[in-house]
Protein backbone atom coordinates (compact mmCIF):
# COMPACT_ATOMS: atom_id res chain seq x y z
CA MET A 1 -8.65 31.44 -34.13
CA PRO A 2 -10.16 28.87 -31.77
CA THR A 3 -13.02 26.73 -32.93
CA GLY A 4 -16.19 26.17 -30.92
CA ASP A 5 -14.80 22.85 -29.72
CA GLU A 6 -11.61 24.12 -28.12
CA PRO A 7 -13.05 26.02 -25.13
CA ALA A 8 -15.05 22.90 -24.17
CA LYS A 9 -11.88 20.74 -23.99
CA ALA A 10 -9.97 22.80 -21.39
CA PRO A 11 -12.67 22.53 -18.68
CA THR A 12 -13.02 18.81 -19.33
CA ARG A 13 -9.25 18.30 -18.75
CA SER A 14 -9.39 20.49 -15.64
CA LYS A 15 -12.31 18.63 -14.32
CA ARG A 16 -10.60 15.30 -14.83
CA ALA A 17 -7.50 16.52 -12.99
CA ASP A 18 -9.62 17.82 -10.10
CA ALA A 19 -11.62 14.57 -9.97
CA LEU A 20 -8.40 12.57 -9.91
CA ARG A 21 -7.00 14.68 -7.09
CA ASN A 22 -10.26 14.43 -5.16
CA GLU A 23 -10.23 10.64 -5.70
CA GLN A 24 -6.69 10.39 -4.31
CA VAL A 25 -7.66 12.45 -1.23
CA LEU A 26 -10.70 10.23 -0.64
CA LEU A 27 -8.64 7.03 -0.99
CA GLY A 28 -6.03 8.26 1.40
CA ALA A 29 -8.70 9.25 3.98
CA ALA A 30 -10.47 5.99 3.53
CA ALA A 31 -7.26 4.00 4.04
CA GLU A 32 -6.59 5.92 7.26
CA VAL A 33 -10.11 5.33 8.56
CA PHE A 34 -10.03 1.67 7.58
CA ALA A 35 -6.76 1.22 9.38
CA THR A 36 -8.08 2.71 12.64
CA SER A 37 -11.79 1.88 12.55
CA GLY A 38 -12.12 -1.02 10.18
CA VAL A 39 -13.71 -1.34 6.77
CA ASP A 40 -17.20 -1.09 8.19
CA ALA A 41 -16.49 2.45 9.45
CA PRO A 42 -19.30 4.89 8.61
CA ILE A 43 -18.92 6.66 5.29
CA ARG A 44 -19.50 9.98 7.06
CA GLU A 45 -16.22 9.32 9.04
CA ILE A 46 -14.28 8.96 5.77
CA ALA A 47 -16.01 12.02 4.35
CA ALA A 48 -15.12 14.09 7.41
CA ARG A 49 -11.47 12.92 7.22
CA ALA A 50 -11.34 13.82 3.52
CA GLY A 51 -13.13 17.17 4.10
CA VAL A 52 -15.89 16.42 1.65
CA GLY A 53 -19.59 15.60 1.72
CA VAL A 54 -20.90 12.00 1.87
CA GLY A 55 -22.39 12.53 -1.61
CA THR A 56 -18.98 13.17 -3.06
CA ILE A 57 -17.80 9.72 -1.87
CA TYR A 58 -20.84 8.02 -3.39
CA ARG A 59 -20.32 9.90 -6.66
CA HIS A 60 -16.83 8.39 -6.92
CA PHE A 61 -17.64 5.01 -5.29
CA PRO A 62 -21.26 3.98 -5.61
CA THR A 63 -20.90 0.99 -3.22
CA ARG A 64 -18.76 0.21 -0.20
CA ALA A 65 -17.20 -2.66 -2.19
CA ASP A 66 -16.14 -0.21 -4.91
CA LEU A 67 -14.42 1.92 -2.21
CA VAL A 68 -12.73 -1.11 -0.61
CA VAL A 69 -11.35 -2.30 -3.91
CA ALA A 70 -10.17 1.19 -4.84
CA VAL A 71 -8.41 1.60 -1.45
CA TYR A 72 -6.73 -1.75 -1.85
CA ARG A 73 -5.41 -0.82 -5.32
CA HIS A 74 -4.38 2.65 -4.12
CA GLN A 75 -2.41 1.14 -1.29
CA VAL A 76 -0.71 -1.38 -3.54
CA GLU A 77 0.31 1.34 -5.97
CA ALA A 78 1.68 3.58 -3.23
CA CYS A 79 3.78 0.74 -1.81
CA ALA A 80 5.00 -0.30 -5.31
CA GLU A 81 5.98 3.25 -6.32
CA ALA A 82 7.86 3.82 -3.03
CA GLY A 83 10.47 1.10 -3.78
CA LEU A 84 12.59 2.89 -6.37
CA THR A 85 12.09 6.26 -4.65
CA LEU A 86 13.48 4.87 -1.39
CA LEU A 87 16.31 3.07 -3.17
CA ALA A 88 17.40 6.39 -4.77
CA ALA A 89 17.09 8.44 -1.55
CA ALA A 90 18.24 6.08 1.29
CA ASP A 91 21.76 5.91 2.69
CA SER A 92 22.11 2.31 1.61
CA PRO A 93 20.06 -0.38 -0.15
CA PHE A 94 19.48 -2.13 3.14
CA ALA A 95 18.13 1.11 4.67
CA ALA A 96 15.78 1.41 1.57
CA LEU A 97 14.68 -2.20 2.10
CA ARG A 98 14.01 -1.53 5.79
CA GLN A 99 11.96 1.56 5.02
CA TRP A 100 10.00 -0.19 2.27
CA VAL A 101 9.26 -3.13 4.63
CA ASP A 102 7.99 -0.55 7.15
CA LEU A 103 5.59 0.84 4.49
CA PHE A 104 4.62 -2.73 3.63
CA VAL A 105 3.71 -3.38 7.32
CA ASP A 106 1.53 -0.23 7.24
CA PHE A 107 -0.14 -1.52 4.13
CA LEU A 108 -0.71 -4.94 5.65
CA ALA A 109 -2.49 -3.37 8.62
CA THR A 110 -5.04 -1.97 6.12
CA LYS A 111 -4.93 -4.96 3.80
CA HIS A 112 -6.03 -7.57 6.35
CA GLY A 113 -9.33 -5.71 6.95
CA LEU A 114 -9.84 -5.16 3.23
CA ALA A 115 -9.07 -8.81 2.47
CA ASN A 116 -11.62 -9.98 4.99
CA ALA A 117 -14.23 -7.72 3.47
CA LEU A 118 -13.49 -8.91 -0.04
CA GLN A 119 -13.16 -12.70 0.62
CA SER A 120 -16.76 -13.30 -0.50
CA ASP A 121 -16.14 -11.33 -3.69
CA SER A 122 -15.24 -13.51 -6.69
CA GLY A 123 -12.79 -10.80 -7.76
CA PHE A 124 -10.56 -11.24 -4.66
CA ASP A 125 -8.25 -13.75 -6.32
CA ALA A 126 -7.61 -11.22 -9.11
CA LEU A 127 -6.84 -8.58 -6.57
CA HIS A 128 -4.42 -10.84 -4.70
CA SER A 129 -2.63 -11.61 -8.02
CA TYR A 130 -2.41 -7.87 -8.70
CA PHE A 131 -0.89 -7.41 -5.23
CA LEU A 132 1.73 -10.04 -5.93
CA ASP A 133 2.42 -8.87 -9.49
CA ARG A 134 3.05 -5.29 -8.31
CA LEU A 135 4.93 -5.82 -5.07
CA VAL A 136 7.07 -8.94 -5.45
CA PRO A 137 9.20 -7.34 -8.23
CA VAL A 138 9.71 -4.19 -6.09
CA CYS A 139 10.76 -6.25 -3.06
CA SER A 140 13.07 -8.31 -5.39
CA GLN A 141 14.77 -5.16 -6.63
CA LEU A 142 15.41 -3.94 -3.10
CA LEU A 143 16.75 -7.37 -2.04
CA ASP A 144 19.02 -7.66 -5.06
CA ALA A 145 20.42 -4.16 -4.46
CA ALA A 146 21.13 -4.93 -0.84
CA ALA A 147 22.78 -8.28 -1.82
CA GLU A 148 24.88 -6.56 -4.49
CA ALA A 149 26.03 -4.03 -1.92
CA GLY A 150 27.16 -6.91 0.35
CA GLU A 151 24.67 -5.83 3.06
CA ILE A 152 22.55 -9.03 3.08
CA ARG A 153 23.08 -12.63 2.15
CA PRO A 154 22.26 -13.36 -1.44
CA GLY A 155 19.37 -15.70 -2.26
CA THR A 156 16.51 -14.29 -0.23
CA GLN A 157 13.33 -14.59 -2.23
CA ALA A 158 10.98 -11.63 -2.20
CA TYR A 159 7.86 -13.74 -1.92
CA GLU A 160 9.28 -15.58 1.14
CA LEU A 161 10.21 -12.32 2.84
CA MET A 162 6.85 -10.78 2.16
CA ARG A 163 5.03 -13.86 3.36
CA GLY A 164 7.14 -13.90 6.50
CA VAL A 165 6.45 -10.24 7.27
CA GLY A 166 2.75 -10.84 6.61
CA ASN A 167 2.66 -13.78 8.98
CA LEU A 168 4.37 -11.76 11.70
CA CYS A 169 1.82 -8.95 11.22
CA ILE A 170 -1.25 -11.17 11.59
CA GLY A 171 0.10 -12.77 14.80
CA ARG A 172 -0.84 -9.82 17.02
CA GLY A 173 -4.57 -10.52 17.39
CA SER A 174 -5.74 -8.88 20.61
CA ASP A 175 -2.45 -9.27 22.52
CA PRO A 176 -1.13 -5.74 23.21
CA ARG A 177 2.28 -7.20 24.25
CA TYR A 178 2.89 -8.51 20.70
CA ASP A 179 4.83 -6.04 18.63
CA PRO A 180 4.96 -7.18 15.01
CA ARG A 181 7.38 -4.33 14.03
CA ARG A 182 9.95 -5.53 16.52
CA LEU A 183 9.74 -9.08 15.14
CA VAL A 184 9.92 -7.80 11.54
CA ASP A 185 13.06 -5.86 12.52
CA LEU A 186 14.58 -9.11 13.94
CA LEU A 187 13.65 -10.79 10.65
CA LEU A 188 15.47 -8.17 8.65
CA GLN A 189 18.49 -8.28 10.93
CA GLY A 190 18.63 -12.03 10.19
CA LEU A 191 19.18 -11.20 6.48
CA ARG A 192 22.31 -9.16 7.21
CA GLN A 193 25.61 -10.41 5.81
CA PRO A 194 28.01 -11.52 8.58
CA PRO A 195 31.21 -9.57 8.66
CA SER A 196 34.15 -11.06 6.82
CA PRO A 197 36.62 -12.86 9.16
């Protein structure tokens, strides 16, 4: 026979699962809005994209800084988790690497705005370390798999590749003729192993 405590536990678990789902929806919506409208976009725009009220956002994230940090972490985690999934599903390790770099480029488009908003925050260095700690090992795994498959030259360092991709992505500025994805693709092609003579 259930005790008086047991019925109270089930709604709490359900509420936490709902709250977590709502938070993920909010973070995804905020990331999309930040990518298109910048980190200073009105909260009501994020709420509309997520299909919730403005109060719901403030319940989860009391300040804009809280939201920006949460979006940054959410984006890092999504990019990190995609690595092994792509490696398992892609036609080849190089195809997985290319798809992951494409996701990384999408992340960087959002990250630059987030980084600028967080520069004055003393916690930014910790966030940057978190970014490197989570993503460099994933990129290393993809590079190692592609090298072991003979698709790329061995010896490419993940940090160098990520830094190079990042530098190509910030080069656009306001020049509509500059296509960072095309240059990132050229960079990846440069990693390819030349055919054996």
